[in-house]
C-alpha atoms as a PDB file:
ATOM      1  CA  MET A   1       3.532  11.496   1.498  1.00  0.00           C
ATOM      2  CA  THR A   2       1.765  11.267  -1.795  1.00  0.00           C
ATOM      3  CA  LEU A   3       1.680   8.940  -4.777  1.00  0.00           C
ATOM      4  CA  ASP A   4       4.740  10.799  -6.067  1.00  0.00           C
ATOM      5  CA  ASP A   5       6.640   9.529  -3.027  1.00  0.00           C
ATOM      6  CA  LEU A   6       5.504   5.994  -3.854  1.00  0.00           C
ATOM      7  CA  MET A   7       6.617   6.388  -7.465  1.00  0.00           C
ATOM      8  CA  GLN A   8      10.075   7.578  -6.406  1.00  0.00           C
ATOM      9  CA  ALA A   9      10.572   5.109  -3.545  1.00  0.00           C
ATOM     10  CA  GLU A  10      13.632   2.880  -3.853  1.00  0.00           C
ATOM     11  CA  LYS A  11      11.911   0.002  -2.080  1.00  0.00           C
ATOM     12  CA  ARG A  12       8.202  -0.765  -2.164  1.00  0.00           C
ATOM     13  CA  THR A  13       5.718  -3.594  -2.140  1.00  0.00           C
ATOM     14  CA  VAL A  14       2.762  -4.002  -4.453  1.00  0.00           C
ATOM     15  CA  GLY A  15      -0.301  -6.078  -3.643  1.00  0.00           C
ATOM     16  CA  VAL A  16      -2.224  -6.809  -0.486  1.00  0.00           C
ATOM     17  CA  LYS A  17      -0.364  -9.984   0.527  1.00  0.00           C
ATOM     18  CA  GLN A  18       3.124  -8.517   0.084  1.00  0.00           C
ATOM     19  CA  THR A  19       2.095  -5.320   1.853  1.00  0.00           C
ATOM     20  CA  GLU A  20       0.598  -7.290   4.764  1.00  0.00           C
ATOM     21  CA  LYS A  21       3.892  -9.176   5.116  1.00  0.00           C
ATOM     22  CA  ALA A  22       5.859  -5.909   5.166  1.00  0.00           C
ATOM     23  CA  VAL A  23       3.579  -4.396   7.828  1.00  0.00           C
ATOM     24  CA  THR A  24       3.736  -7.556   9.950  1.00  0.00           C
ATOM     25  CA  LYS A  25       7.546  -7.552   9.792  1.00  0.00           C
ATOM     26  CA  GLU A  26       7.537  -3.800  10.558  1.00  0.00           C
ATOM     27  CA  LEU A  27       9.254  -2.963   7.264  1.00  0.00           C
ATOM     28  CA  ALA A  28       6.546  -0.632   5.907  1.00  0.00           C
ATOM     29  CA  ALA A  29       6.948   3.120   6.376  1.00  0.00           C
ATOM     30  CA  LYS A  30       3.643   4.062   4.737  1.00  0.00           C
ATOM     31  CA  VAL A  31       0.813   2.036   3.219  1.00  0.00           C
ATOM     32  CA  PHE A  32      -1.432   3.031   0.316  1.00  0.00           C
ATOM     33  CA  VAL A  33      -4.853   1.416  -0.193  1.00  0.00           C
ATOM     34  CA  ALA A  34      -7.251   2.034  -3.085  1.00  0.00           C
ATOM     35  CA  LYS A  35     -10.731   3.210  -2.067  1.00  0.00           C
ATOM     36  CA  ASP A  36     -12.367   1.155  -4.819  1.00  0.00           C
ATOM     37  CA  ALA A  37     -10.710  -2.104  -3.721  1.00  0.00           C
ATOM     38  CA  ASP A  38     -12.959  -4.782  -2.246  1.00  0.00           C
ATOM     39  CA  GLU A  39     -13.253  -4.186   1.506  1.00  0.00           C
ATOM     40  CA  ARG A  40     -12.931  -7.934   2.185  1.00  0.00           C
ATOM     41  CA  VAL A  41      -9.512  -7.850   0.514  1.00  0.00           C
ATOM     42  CA  THR A  42      -8.143  -4.778   2.311  1.00  0.00           C
ATOM     43  CA  GLU A  43      -9.818  -5.088   5.724  1.00  0.00           C
ATOM     44  CA  LYS A  44      -7.057  -7.167   7.357  1.00  0.00           C
ATOM     45  CA  LEU A  45      -4.357  -4.854   6.001  1.00  0.00           C
ATOM     46  CA  LYS A  46      -6.103  -1.784   7.407  1.00  0.00           C
ATOM     47  CA  GLU A  47      -6.406  -3.459  10.813  1.00  0.00           C
ATOM     48  CA  LEU A  48      -2.709  -4.420  10.727  1.00  0.00           C
ATOM     49  CA  CYS A  49      -1.734  -0.829   9.945  1.00  0.00           C
ATOM     50  CA  GLU A  50      -3.738   0.417  12.909  1.00  0.00           C
ATOM     51  CA  GLU A  51      -2.271  -2.258  15.185  1.00  0.00           C
ATOM     52  CA  LYS A  52       1.330  -1.553  14.104  1.00  0.00           C
ATOM     53  CA  ALA A  53       0.829   2.258  13.951  1.00  0.00           C
ATOM     54  CA  VAL A  54       1.698   2.437  10.248  1.00  0.00           C
ATOM     55  CA  SER A  55       0.393   5.476   8.395  1.00  0.00           C
ATOM     56  CA  LEU A  56      -2.336   4.630   5.861  1.00  0.00           C
ATOM     57  CA  VAL A  57      -3.132   6.720   2.778  1.00  0.00           C
ATOM     58  CA  GLN A  58      -6.363   6.232   0.829  1.00  0.00           C
ATOM     59  CA  VAL A  59      -5.965   6.468  -2.959  1.00  0.00           C
ATOM     60  CA  GLU A  60      -8.993   7.044  -5.198  1.00  0.00           C
ATOM     61  CA  THR A  61      -8.636   4.093  -7.590  1.00  0.00           C
ATOM     62  CA  MET A  62      -6.803   0.806  -8.021  1.00  0.00           C
ATOM     63  CA  HIS A  63      -5.803   1.933 -11.513  1.00  0.00           C
ATOM     64  CA  GLU A  64      -4.166   5.082 -10.129  1.00  0.00           C
ATOM     65  CA  LEU A  65      -2.289   3.053  -7.492  1.00  0.00           C
ATOM     66  CA  GLY A  66      -1.066   0.507 -10.042  1.00  0.00           C
ATOM     67  CA  LYS A  67       0.176   3.289 -12.294  1.00  0.00           C
ATOM     68  CA  ALA A  68       2.047   4.895  -9.381  1.00  0.00           C
ATOM     69  CA  CYS A  69       3.747   1.538  -8.744  1.00  0.00           C
ATOM     70  CA  GLY A  70       4.896   1.369 -12.358  1.00  0.00           C
ATOM     71  CA  ILE A  71       2.736  -1.617 -13.281  1.00  0.00           C
ATOM     72  CA  HIS A  72       0.154  -1.929 -16.042  1.00  0.00           C
ATOM     73  CA  VAL A  73      -2.507  -3.575 -13.887  1.00  0.00           C
ATOM     74  CA  LYS A  74      -4.615  -2.385 -10.986  1.00  0.00           C
ATOM     75  CA  ALA A  75      -3.300  -2.611  -7.422  1.00  0.00           C
ATOM     76  CA  ALA A  76      -5.401  -2.709  -4.257  1.00  0.00           C
ATOM     77  CA  ALA A  77      -2.482  -1.877  -1.962  1.00  0.00           C
ATOM     78  CA  ALA A  78       1.172  -0.868  -1.901  1.00  0.00           C
ATOM     79  CA  ALA A  79       3.728   0.314   0.622  1.00  0.00           C
ATOM     80  CA  ILE A  80       6.908   2.311   0.825  1.00  0.00           C
ATOM     81  CA  LEU A  81       9.472   0.272   2.704  1.00  0.00           C
ATOM     82  CA  LYS A  82      11.850   1.623   5.334  1.00  0.00           C
ATOM     83  CA  SER A  83      15.419   2.147   4.151  1.00  0.00           C
END
């Protein structure tokens, strides 16, 4: 899956907190995290993904991830939700 998949997804989350909730509730199919996001912010999410066996995709920049989510601000994380 690529950012195109995220852009076209019917259901998705944007932001670290919302994405963490989706992973915890086992609703996330794939998680995207920006490489330039603060490690302290994304560390727990990455650990959750490993624990729950959710695929994690690294995206180059927060700006690029925000744009893929259809928002005009940067995003540290996002997820495609299961149907």
